[in-house]
Amino acid sequence: MSYKYSSGPSVTGDLKAQDDTQRDTVIDFGEDQIEFQTSGSTRARIHNQGLDLTGSLHITSSTQNELIRLAKTDPDTREIVFEMNGADRFDVGLNSFENLLIQSHNTTDDIYFRLNGHNALYLQGYPKQIRVWDSYSSTYDTVINSKMSVNGPLSTLHTNEVALDYGYGEIVTFGTGSGLTKGKTYYLSGSTWAQTNATDDTKGADTMVGIALGSSISDGMLVDGYYHFSASTGFLQGVIVYFDTTNGGLTQTAPTGPGNIARAAGYCTSDAQIIRFKPSSTWIES
């Protein structure tokens, strides 16, 4: 179907193809929109807000390397959004700070980067993990908890809402323990985690110790790294901290009572609520 030697504007109705025997291939003109239909169904619709497409989009060119370009001005954000049943699930975008984001809108959704049919990099939903695929053994040989990284200066830990009352560094999930208290310190007794107490040399003087990151061991135990307390510690910036004579506590004053244990737990940073948790391997008994 074609037009030749036309001149000037004209008003016409919807267009149907002469070569279409069923007469269901249509260009349908509506109010501020044009629909392109095949087999009686709309495949593409152009309207004031953009273009709606039903079906796959196949773009090919023998001369152009760049096939799709998304343009933005400096303060704008541009996104490609994936939805399910009308709800956003994932998006890929460039925000106003010129950061490229790949994000999930649902904490149970995971992100995979596949290589040769395998999940070369696997970003898992909460509790977030990064799993690295070993193509030689066909197994995930590395499991990294996202809590392990400190990104940027320590001031980031204070201002980042995710870091509040949270730990970053070396985190373990082995052992057992029930009713853990987030932010309290624990020692590993056999395979069980129990709260430290500097009044007793059997409660954390010479064993592995950590800070609980939740009520369950599956939330993780920080054994080396940084922890950001949500409430004021009362500590001074940069001071050494010790395991306290109260269950699961820390103190900036070394315990000196008879039979008390002085074991360094780490240091405060430039923010008194953020400690560098690095327990000493030595201890002194009063």
C-alpha atoms as a PDB file:
ATOM      1  CA  MET A   1       0.000   0.000   0.000  1.00  0.00           C
ATOM      2  CA  SER A   2       1.436   3.386  -0.949  1.00  0.00           C
ATOM      3  CA  TYR A   3       0.490   6.924  -1.799  1.00  0.00           C
ATOM      4  CA  LYS A   4       1.923   8.823  -4.734  1.00  0.00           C
ATOM      5  CA  TYR A   5       1.544  12.373  -5.983  1.00  0.00           C
ATOM      6  CA  SER A   6      -0.301  13.430  -2.835  1.00  0.00           C
ATOM      7  CA  SER A   7      -0.240  17.093  -1.927  1.00  0.00           C
ATOM      8  CA  GLY A   8      -1.568  19.015   1.032  1.00  0.00           C
ATOM      9  CA  PRO A   9      -3.188  17.686   4.201  1.00  0.00           C
ATOM     10  CA  SER A  10      -6.100  15.304   4.013  1.00  0.00           C
ATOM     11  CA  VAL A  11      -8.545  13.734   6.471  1.00  0.00           C
ATOM     12  CA  THR A  12      -8.941   9.994   6.257  1.00  0.00           C
ATOM     13  CA  GLY A  13     -10.145   7.124   8.327  1.00  0.00           C
ATOM     14  CA  ASP A  14      -8.242   4.081   9.477  1.00  0.00           C
ATOM     15  CA  LEU A  15      -6.067   2.318   6.924  1.00  0.00           C
ATOM     16  CA  LYS A  16      -6.223  -1.342   5.956  1.00  0.00           C
ATOM     17  CA  ALA A  17      -3.931  -3.237   3.625  1.00  0.00           C
ATOM     18  CA  GLN A  18      -5.319  -4.421   0.311  1.00  0.00           C
ATOM     19  CA  ASP A  19      -3.003  -7.453   0.377  1.00  0.00           C
ATOM     20  CA  ASP A  20      -4.360  -8.551   3.771  1.00  0.00           C
ATOM     21  CA  THR A  21      -7.200 -10.927   2.968  1.00  0.00           C
ATOM     22  CA  GLN A  22      -8.532 -10.927   6.542  1.00  0.00           C
ATOM     23  CA  ARG A  23      -8.504  -7.125   6.740  1.00  0.00           C
ATOM     24  CA  ASP A  24      -7.050  -7.229  10.278  1.00  0.00           C
ATOM     25  CA  THR A  25      -3.755  -5.475   9.537  1.00  0.00           C
ATOM     26  CA  VAL A  26      -4.693  -1.895  10.417  1.00  0.00           C
ATOM     27  CA  ILE A  27      -3.297   1.548  11.101  1.00  0.00           C
ATOM     28  CA  ASP A  28      -5.862   2.936  13.555  1.00  0.00           C
ATOM     29  CA  PHE A  29      -5.906   6.697  14.060  1.00  0.00           C
ATOM     30  CA  GLY A  30      -7.286   7.801  17.432  1.00  0.00           C
ATOM     31  CA  GLU A  31      -7.323  10.975  19.520  1.00  0.00           C
ATOM     32  CA  ASP A  32      -3.628  11.904  19.918  1.00  0.00           C
ATOM     33  CA  GLN A  33      -2.532   8.366  19.158  1.00  0.00           C
ATOM     34  CA  ILE A  34      -1.864   5.900  16.338  1.00  0.00           C
ATOM     35  CA  GLU A  35      -2.171   2.137  16.744  1.00  0.00           C
ATOM     36  CA  PHE A  36      -0.514  -0.435  14.504  1.00  0.00           C
ATOM     37  CA  GLN A  37      -2.459  -3.690  14.511  1.00  0.00           C
ATOM     38  CA  THR A  38      -1.869  -7.181  13.108  1.00  0.00           C
ATOM     39  CA  SER A  39      -4.268 -10.123  13.400  1.00  0.00           C
ATOM     40  CA  GLY A  40      -6.698  -7.755  15.091  1.00  0.00           C
ATOM     41  CA  SER A  41      -4.377  -6.962  18.029  1.00  0.00           C
ATOM     42  CA  THR A  42      -2.451  -3.772  18.747  1.00  0.00           C
ATOM     43  CA  ARG A  43       1.298  -4.322  18.432  1.00  0.00           C
ATOM     44  CA  ALA A  44       2.490  -0.734  18.726  1.00  0.00           C
ATOM     45  CA  ARG A  45       0.829   2.438  19.966  1.00  0.00           C
ATOM     46  CA  ILE A  46       2.265   5.930  19.596  1.00  0.00           C
ATOM     47  CA  HIS A  47       0.796   8.552  21.921  1.00  0.00           C
ATOM     48  CA  ASN A  48       1.707  11.798  23.644  1.00  0.00           C
ATOM     49  CA  GLN A  49       3.668  10.038  26.394  1.00  0.00           C
ATOM     50  CA  GLY A  50       5.714   7.791  24.109  1.00  0.00           C
ATOM     51  CA  LEU A  51       5.546   4.388  22.430  1.00  0.00           C
ATOM     52  CA  ASP A  52       3.971   1.184  23.762  1.00  0.00           C
ATOM     53  CA  LEU A  53       5.176  -2.016  22.133  1.00  0.00           C
ATOM     54  CA  THR A  54       3.712  -5.505  22.504  1.00  0.00           C
ATOM     55  CA  GLY A  55       6.053  -8.265  21.369  1.00  0.00           C
ATOM     56  CA  SER A  56       9.804  -8.355  20.853  1.00  0.00           C
ATOM     57  CA  LEU A  57      11.918  -5.560  19.426  1.00  0.00           C
ATOM     58  CA  HIS A  58      14.575  -6.603  16.937  1.00  0.00           C
ATOM     59  CA  ILE A  59      17.024  -3.910  15.861  1.00  0.00           C
ATOM     60  CA  THR A  60      19.667  -4.622  13.247  1.00  0.00           C
ATOM     61  CA  SER A  61      22.012  -2.505  11.158  1.00  0.00           C
ATOM     62  CA  SER A  62      24.908  -3.248   8.852  1.00  0.00           C
ATOM     63  CA  THR A  63      26.447   0.199   9.279  1.00  0.00           C
ATOM     64  CA  GLN A  64      25.767   1.387  12.834  1.00  0.00           C
ATOM     65  CA  ASN A  65      27.479   0.167  16.005  1.00  0.00           C
ATOM     66  CA  GLU A  66      25.229   2.204  18.293  1.00  0.00           C
ATOM     67  CA  LEU A  67      21.662   0.902  18.092  1.00  0.00           C
ATOM     68  CA  ILE A  68      20.016   2.401  21.189  1.00  0.00           C
ATOM     69  CA  ARG A  69      20.779   5.712  22.906  1.00  0.00           C
ATOM     70  CA  LEU A  70      19.081   7.009  26.053  1.00  0.00           C
ATOM     71  CA  ALA A  71      19.619  10.734  26.470  1.00  0.00           C
ATOM     72  CA  LYS A  72      19.446  12.793  29.672  1.00  0.00           C
ATOM     73  CA  THR A  73      20.410  16.205  30.951  1.00  0.00           C
ATOM     74  CA  ASP A  74      22.643  16.658  33.987  1.00  0.00           C
ATOM     75  CA  PRO A  75      19.962  16.638  36.771  1.00  0.00           C
ATOM     76  CA  ASP A  76      17.819  13.908  35.183  1.00  0.00           C
ATOM     77  CA  THR A  77      17.535  10.211  35.969  1.00  0.00           C
ATOM     78  CA  ARG A  78      16.865   7.672  33.238  1.00  0.00           C
ATOM     79  CA  GLU A  79      15.785   4.092  33.927  1.00  0.00           C
ATOM     80  CA  ILE A  80      14.923   0.848  32.165  1.00  0.00           C
ATOM     81  CA  VAL A  81      12.307  -0.780  34.409  1.00  0.00           C
ATOM     82  CA  PHE A  82      11.246  -4.426  34.550  1.00  0.00           C
ATOM     83  CA  GLU A  83       7.809  -5.055  36.038  1.00  0.00           C
ATOM     84  CA  MET A  84       5.672  -8.053  36.926  1.00  0.00           C
ATOM     85  CA  ASN A  85       1.881  -7.805  37.219  1.00  0.00           C
ATOM     86  CA  GLY A  86       2.157  -4.030  37.127  1.00  0.00           C
ATOM     87  CA  ALA A  87       4.703  -3.818  39.982  1.00  0.00           C
ATOM     88  CA  ASP A  88       8.337  -2.750  39.546  1.00  0.00           C
ATOM     89  CA  ARG A  89      10.818  -5.595  40.127  1.00  0.00           C
ATOM     90  CA  PHE A  90      14.176  -4.419  38.743  1.00  0.00           C
ATOM     91  CA  ASP A  91      15.609  -1.358  37.069  1.00  0.00           C
ATOM     92  CA  VAL A  92      18.811  -0.322  35.382  1.00  0.00           C
ATOM     93  CA  GLY A  93      19.451   3.379  35.277  1.00  0.00           C
ATOM     94  CA  LEU A  94      21.698   6.397  35.392  1.00  0.00           C
ATOM     95  CA  ASN A  95      20.817   8.768  38.207  1.00  0.00           C
ATOM     96  CA  SER A  96      21.343  12.497  38.666  1.00  0.00           C
ATOM     97  CA  PHE A  97      24.756  11.845  40.291  1.00  0.00           C
ATOM     98  CA  GLU A  98      25.844   9.988  37.123  1.00  0.00           C
ATOM     99  CA  ASN A  99      25.901   6.657  38.966  1.00  0.00           C
ATOM    100  CA  LEU A 100      24.922   3.527  37.059  1.00  0.00           C
ATOM    101  CA  LEU A 101      22.469   1.525  39.170  1.00  0.00           C
ATOM    102  CA  ILE A 102      21.283  -2.065  38.882  1.00  0.00           C
ATOM    103  CA  GLN A 103      18.787  -2.587  41.646  1.00  0.00           C
ATOM    104  CA  SER A 104      16.046  -4.891  42.843  1.00  0.00           C
ATOM    105  CA  HIS A 105      12.787  -3.583  44.315  1.00  0.00           C
ATOM    106  CA  ASN A 106      12.149  -6.816  46.197  1.00  0.00           C
ATOM    107  CA  THR A 107      14.492  -8.173  48.882  1.00  0.00           C
ATOM    108  CA  THR A 108      13.849 -11.743  47.750  1.00  0.00           C
ATOM    109  CA  ASP A 109      14.985 -11.131  44.169  1.00  0.00           C
ATOM    110  CA  ASP A 110      18.556 -11.975  43.173  1.00  0.00           C
ATOM    111  CA  ILE A 111      20.818 -10.671  40.405  1.00  0.00           C
ATOM    112  CA  TYR A 112      22.937 -13.036  38.320  1.00  0.00           C
ATOM    113  CA  PHE A 113      25.798 -12.287  35.954  1.00  0.00           C
ATOM    114  CA  ARG A 114      26.163 -15.342  33.746  1.00  0.00           C
ATOM    115  CA  LEU A 115      29.303 -16.516  31.966  1.00  0.00           C
ATOM    116  CA  ASN A 116      29.265 -19.514  29.623  1.00  0.00           C
ATOM    117  CA  GLY A 117      25.984 -20.702  31.077  1.00  0.00           C
ATOM    118  CA  HIS A 118      27.125 -20.370  34.690  1.00  0.00           C
ATOM    119  CA  ASN A 119      26.389 -17.743  37.314  1.00  0.00           C
ATOM    120  CA  ALA A 120      29.819 -16.127  37.306  1.00  0.00           C
ATOM    121  CA  LEU A 121      28.692 -13.537  39.844  1.00  0.00           C
ATOM    122  CA  TYR A 122      25.597 -13.935  41.973  1.00  0.00           C
ATOM    123  CA  LEU A 123      24.153 -11.109  44.079  1.00  0.00           C
ATOM    124  CA  GLN A 124      21.700 -12.666  46.471  1.00  0.00           C
ATOM    125  CA  GLY A 125      18.727 -11.051  48.197  1.00  0.00           C
ATOM    126  CA  TYR A 126      18.708 -10.270  51.914  1.00  0.00           C
ATOM    127  CA  PRO A 127      20.818 -11.266  53.757  1.00  0.00           C
ATOM    128  CA  LYS A 128      22.879  -9.983  50.850  1.00  0.00           C
ATOM    129  CA  GLN A 129      25.744 -12.086  49.556  1.00  0.00           C
ATOM    130  CA  ILE A 130      28.087 -12.134  46.590  1.00  0.00           C
ATOM    131  CA  ARG A 131      28.777 -15.631  45.310  1.00  0.00           C
ATOM    132  CA  VAL A 132      31.593 -16.208  42.818  1.00  0.00           C
ATOM    133  CA  TRP A 133      31.375 -19.168  40.428  1.00  0.00           C
ATOM    134  CA  ASP A 134      34.403 -21.457  40.056  1.00  0.00           C
ATOM    135  CA  SER A 135      34.229 -22.824  36.513  1.00  0.00           C
ATOM    136  CA  TYR A 136      36.903 -25.433  37.226  1.00  0.00           C
ATOM    137  CA  SER A 137      35.094 -27.191  40.059  1.00  0.00           C
ATOM    138  CA  SER A 138      31.598 -26.125  38.910  1.00  0.00           C
ATOM    139  CA  THR A 139      30.846 -24.854  42.406  1.00  0.00           C
ATOM    140  CA  TYR A 140      30.555 -21.546  44.207  1.00  0.00           C
ATOM    141  CA  ASP A 141      33.997 -21.431  45.827  1.00  0.00           C
ATOM    142  CA  THR A 142      33.597 -18.003  47.420  1.00  0.00           C
ATOM    143  CA  VAL A 143      30.731 -16.672  49.473  1.00  0.00           C
ATOM    144  CA  ILE A 144      31.138 -13.054  50.541  1.00  0.00           C
ATOM    145  CA  ASN A 145      28.645 -11.389  52.833  1.00  0.00           C
ATOM    146  CA  SER A 146      27.986  -7.780  51.802  1.00  0.00           C
ATOM    147  CA  LYS A 147      28.564  -6.709  55.409  1.00  0.00           C
ATOM    148  CA  MET A 148      32.268  -7.449  54.918  1.00  0.00           C
ATOM    149  CA  SER A 149      33.187  -4.303  52.980  1.00  0.00           C
ATOM    150  CA  VAL A 150      33.798  -0.790  54.258  1.00  0.00           C
ATOM    151  CA  ASN A 151      33.317   1.533  51.318  1.00  0.00           C
ATOM    152  CA  GLY A 152      34.836   4.987  51.551  1.00  0.00           C
ATOM    153  CA  PRO A 153      35.944   6.994  54.599  1.00  0.00           C
ATOM    154  CA  LEU A 154      34.748   6.139  58.086  1.00  0.00           C
ATOM    155  CA  SER A 155      32.401   9.124  58.029  1.00  0.00           C
ATOM    156  CA  THR A 156      30.396   7.108  55.513  1.00  0.00           C
ATOM    157  CA  LEU A 157      29.658   4.571  58.244  1.00  0.00           C
ATOM    158  CA  HIS A 158      28.165   7.295  60.392  1.00  0.00           C
ATOM    159  CA  THR A 159      26.051   8.921  57.726  1.00  0.00           C
ATOM    160  CA  ASN A 160      24.982   5.783  55.881  1.00  0.00           C
ATOM    161  CA  GLU A 161      21.662   4.587  57.325  1.00  0.00           C
ATOM    162  CA  VAL A 162      22.489   0.983  56.483  1.00  0.00           C
ATOM    163  CA  ALA A 163      25.610   1.172  58.645  1.00  0.00           C
ATOM    164  CA  LEU A 164      23.757   2.298  61.776  1.00  0.00           C
ATOM    165  CA  ASP A 165      23.861  -0.448  64.427  1.00  0.00           C
ATOM    166  CA  TYR A 166      25.683  -2.664  61.992  1.00  0.00           C
ATOM    167  CA  GLY A 167      29.081  -4.242  61.415  1.00  0.00           C
ATOM    168  CA  TYR A 168      31.459  -4.475  58.491  1.00  0.00           C
ATOM    169  CA  GLY A 169      34.472  -6.755  58.180  1.00  0.00           C
ATOM    170  CA  GLU A 170      35.080 -10.453  58.735  1.00  0.00           C
ATOM    171  CA  ILE A 171      31.782 -12.111  59.604  1.00  0.00           C
ATOM    172  CA  VAL A 172      31.185 -15.738  60.504  1.00  0.00           C
ATOM    173  CA  THR A 173      27.969 -17.718  60.830  1.00  0.00           C
ATOM    174  CA  PHE A 174      29.237 -20.939  62.380  1.00  0.00           C
ATOM    175  CA  GLY A 175      28.411 -22.147  65.867  1.00  0.00           C
ATOM    176  CA  THR A 176      25.124 -22.045  67.723  1.00  0.00           C
ATOM    177  CA  GLY A 177      23.436 -19.583  70.024  1.00  0.00           C
ATOM    178  CA  SER A 178      19.892 -18.634  70.885  1.00  0.00           C
ATOM    179  CA  GLY A 179      18.388 -15.274  71.791  1.00  0.00           C
ATOM    180  CA  LEU A 180      21.429 -13.263  70.708  1.00  0.00           C
ATOM    181  CA  THR A 181      21.378  -9.515  71.303  1.00  0.00           C
ATOM    182  CA  LYS A 182      22.515  -7.338  68.431  1.00  0.00           C
ATOM    183  CA  GLY A 183      25.554  -5.234  69.371  1.00  0.00           C
ATOM    184  CA  LYS A 184      26.566  -7.403  72.341  1.00  0.00           C
ATOM    185  CA  THR A 185      29.910  -9.230  72.443  1.00  0.00           C
ATOM    186  CA  TYR A 186      30.084 -13.034  72.566  1.00  0.00           C
ATOM    187  CA  TYR A 187      32.766 -15.681  73.002  1.00  0.00           C
ATOM    188  CA  LEU A 188      32.842 -19.074  71.361  1.00  0.00           C
ATOM    189  CA  SER A 189      32.697 -21.860  73.953  1.00  0.00           C
ATOM    190  CA  GLY A 190      33.075 -25.111  72.058  1.00  0.00           C
ATOM    191  CA  SER A 191      30.463 -24.586  69.353  1.00  0.00           C
ATOM    192  CA  THR A 192      28.203 -22.234  71.346  1.00  0.00           C
ATOM    193  CA  TRP A 193      28.288 -18.441  71.485  1.00  0.00           C
ATOM    194  CA  ALA A 194      27.769 -16.888  74.932  1.00  0.00           C
ATOM    195  CA  GLN A 195      28.110 -13.308  76.230  1.00  0.00           C
ATOM    196  CA  THR A 196      31.547 -12.194  77.360  1.00  0.00           C
ATOM    197  CA  ASN A 197      32.181 -11.088  80.938  1.00  0.00           C
ATOM    198  CA  ALA A 198      35.547  -9.801  82.197  1.00  0.00           C
ATOM    199  CA  THR A 199      34.928 -11.051  85.742  1.00  0.00           C
ATOM    200  CA  ASP A 200      35.517 -14.634  84.629  1.00  0.00           C
ATOM    201  CA  ASP A 201      38.555 -15.849  82.683  1.00  0.00           C
ATOM    202  CA  THR A 202      36.429 -18.588  81.107  1.00  0.00           C
ATOM    203  CA  LYS A 203      34.083 -16.085  79.451  1.00  0.00           C
ATOM    204  CA  GLY A 204      36.122 -14.658  76.622  1.00  0.00           C
ATOM    205  CA  ALA A 205      39.663 -14.276  77.902  1.00  0.00           C
ATOM    206  CA  ASP A 206      41.363 -16.632  75.453  1.00  0.00           C
ATOM    207  CA  THR A 207      38.708 -17.641  72.929  1.00  0.00           C
ATOM    208  CA  MET A 208      37.301 -16.320  69.675  1.00  0.00           C
ATOM    209  CA  VAL A 209      35.006 -13.360  70.295  1.00  0.00           C
ATOM    210  CA  GLY A 210      32.608 -11.392  68.131  1.00  0.00           C
ATOM    211  CA  ILE A 211      29.800  -8.845  68.027  1.00  0.00           C
ATOM    212  CA  ALA A 212      26.349 -10.204  67.223  1.00  0.00           C
ATOM    213  CA  LEU A 213      24.763  -8.686  64.121  1.00  0.00           C
ATOM    214  CA  GLY A 214      21.269  -9.933  64.940  1.00  0.00           C
ATOM    215  CA  SER A 215      19.258 -12.263  67.134  1.00  0.00           C
ATOM    216  CA  SER A 216      20.380 -15.375  65.277  1.00  0.00           C
ATOM    217  CA  ILE A 217      23.801 -16.728  64.391  1.00  0.00           C
ATOM    218  CA  SER A 218      22.625 -16.739  60.774  1.00  0.00           C
ATOM    219  CA  ASP A 219      22.702 -12.919  60.945  1.00  0.00           C
ATOM    220  CA  GLY A 220      26.438 -13.155  61.480  1.00  0.00           C
ATOM    221  CA  MET A 221      29.055 -12.577  64.136  1.00  0.00           C
ATOM    222  CA  LEU A 222      31.601  -9.802  63.472  1.00  0.00           C
ATOM    223  CA  VAL A 223      35.008 -11.139  64.515  1.00  0.00           C
ATOM    224  CA  ASP A 224      37.189  -8.425  62.950  1.00  0.00           C
ATOM    225  CA  GLY A 225      36.132  -5.106  61.445  1.00  0.00           C
ATOM    226  CA  TYR A 226      34.067  -2.032  62.269  1.00  0.00           C
ATOM    227  CA  TYR A 227      30.865  -1.744  64.225  1.00  0.00           C
ATOM    228  CA  HIS A 228      28.619   1.314  64.374  1.00  0.00           C
ATOM    229  CA  PHE A 229      26.562   1.527  67.563  1.00  0.00           C
ATOM    230  CA  SER A 230      23.175   3.201  67.208  1.00  0.00           C
ATOM    231  CA  ALA A 231      23.227   4.655  70.736  1.00  0.00           C
ATOM    232  CA  SER A 232      25.943   6.771  72.309  1.00  0.00           C
ATOM    233  CA  THR A 233      28.737   4.643  73.753  1.00  0.00           C
ATOM    234  CA  GLY A 234      30.055   7.360  76.042  1.00  0.00           C
ATOM    235  CA  PHE A 235      33.526   6.555  74.719  1.00  0.00           C
ATOM    236  CA  LEU A 236      36.163   9.090  73.733  1.00  0.00           C
ATOM    237  CA  GLN A 237      37.375   9.214  70.155  1.00  0.00           C
ATOM    238  CA  GLY A 238      40.426   7.088  69.468  1.00  0.00           C
ATOM    239  CA  VAL A 239      40.521   5.359  72.867  1.00  0.00           C
ATOM    240  CA  ILE A 240      41.148   1.664  73.456  1.00  0.00           C
ATOM    241  CA  VAL A 241      38.108  -0.370  74.509  1.00  0.00           C
ATOM    242  CA  TYR A 242      38.024  -3.532  76.627  1.00  0.00           C
ATOM    243  CA  PHE A 243      35.559  -6.296  77.317  1.00  0.00           C
ATOM    244  CA  ASP A 244      33.464  -5.189  80.285  1.00  0.00           C
ATOM    245  CA  THR A 245      32.494  -6.793  83.590  1.00  0.00           C
ATOM    246  CA  THR A 246      28.856  -6.677  82.433  1.00  0.00           C
ATOM    247  CA  ASN A 247      27.570  -9.388  80.125  1.00  0.00           C
ATOM    248  CA  GLY A 248      28.329  -8.615  76.473  1.00  0.00           C
ATOM    249  CA  GLY A 249      29.544  -5.093  77.197  1.00  0.00           C
ATOM    250  CA  LEU A 250      32.538  -2.961  76.247  1.00  0.00           C
ATOM    251  CA  THR A 251      34.290  -0.314  78.295  1.00  0.00           C
ATOM    252  CA  GLN A 252      37.049   2.248  77.797  1.00  0.00           C
ATOM    253  CA  THR A 253      38.363   1.535  81.310  1.00  0.00           C
ATOM    254  CA  ALA A 254      40.403  -1.633  81.761  1.00  0.00           C
ATOM    255  CA  PRO A 255      38.839  -3.874  84.435  1.00  0.00           C
ATOM    256  CA  THR A 256      41.114  -3.943  87.506  1.00  0.00           C
ATOM    257  CA  GLY A 257      39.064  -5.738  90.174  1.00  0.00           C
ATOM    258  CA  PRO A 258      40.366  -8.941  91.759  1.00  0.00           C
ATOM    259  CA  GLY A 259      40.233 -11.762  89.236  1.00  0.00           C
ATOM    260  CA  ASN A 260      39.073  -9.440  86.455  1.00  0.00           C
ATOM    261  CA  ILE A 261      40.310  -9.899  82.905  1.00  0.00           C
ATOM    262  CA  ALA A 262      41.708  -7.021  80.853  1.00  0.00           C
ATOM    263  CA  ARG A 263      41.526  -7.934  77.189  1.00  0.00           C
ATOM    264  CA  ALA A 264      41.516  -5.245  74.517  1.00  0.00           C
ATOM    265  CA  ALA A 265      38.567  -5.442  72.109  1.00  0.00           C
ATOM    266  CA  GLY A 266      39.738  -2.679  69.773  1.00  0.00           C
ATOM    267  CA  TYR A 267      39.703   1.085  69.406  1.00  0.00           C
ATOM    268  CA  CYS A 268      37.236   3.895  68.906  1.00  0.00           C
ATOM    269  CA  THR A 269      37.605   5.749  65.634  1.00  0.00           C
ATOM    270  CA  SER A 270      37.145   9.469  64.978  1.00  0.00           C
ATOM    271  CA  ASP A 271      33.474   8.776  65.646  1.00  0.00           C
ATOM    272  CA  ALA A 272      33.051   7.533  69.223  1.00  0.00           C
ATOM    273  CA  GLN A 273      30.122   5.331  68.178  1.00  0.00           C
ATOM    274  CA  ILE A 274      32.208   3.473  65.608  1.00  0.00           C
ATOM    275  CA  ILE A 275      34.794   1.041  66.941  1.00  0.00           C
ATOM    276  CA  ARG A 276      37.538  -0.803  65.140  1.00  0.00           C
ATOM    277  CA  PHE A 277      36.810  -4.240  66.547  1.00  0.00           C
ATOM    278  CA  LYS A 278      40.078  -6.193  66.620  1.00  0.00           C
ATOM    279  CA  PRO A 279      40.294  -8.317  69.768  1.00  0.00           C
ATOM    280  CA  SER A 280      43.769  -8.818  71.229  1.00  0.00           C
ATOM    281  CA  SER A 281      45.178 -12.327  71.455  1.00  0.00           C
ATOM    282  CA  THR A 282      46.614 -11.528  74.898  1.00  0.00           C
ATOM    283  CA  TRP A 283      44.992 -10.698  78.222  1.00  0.00           C
ATOM    284  CA  ILE A 284      45.905  -9.783  81.804  1.00  0.00           C
ATOM    285  CA  GLU A 285      44.252 -11.053  84.953  1.00  0.00           C
ATOM    286  CA  SER A 286      44.185  -8.749  87.977  1.00  0.00           C
END
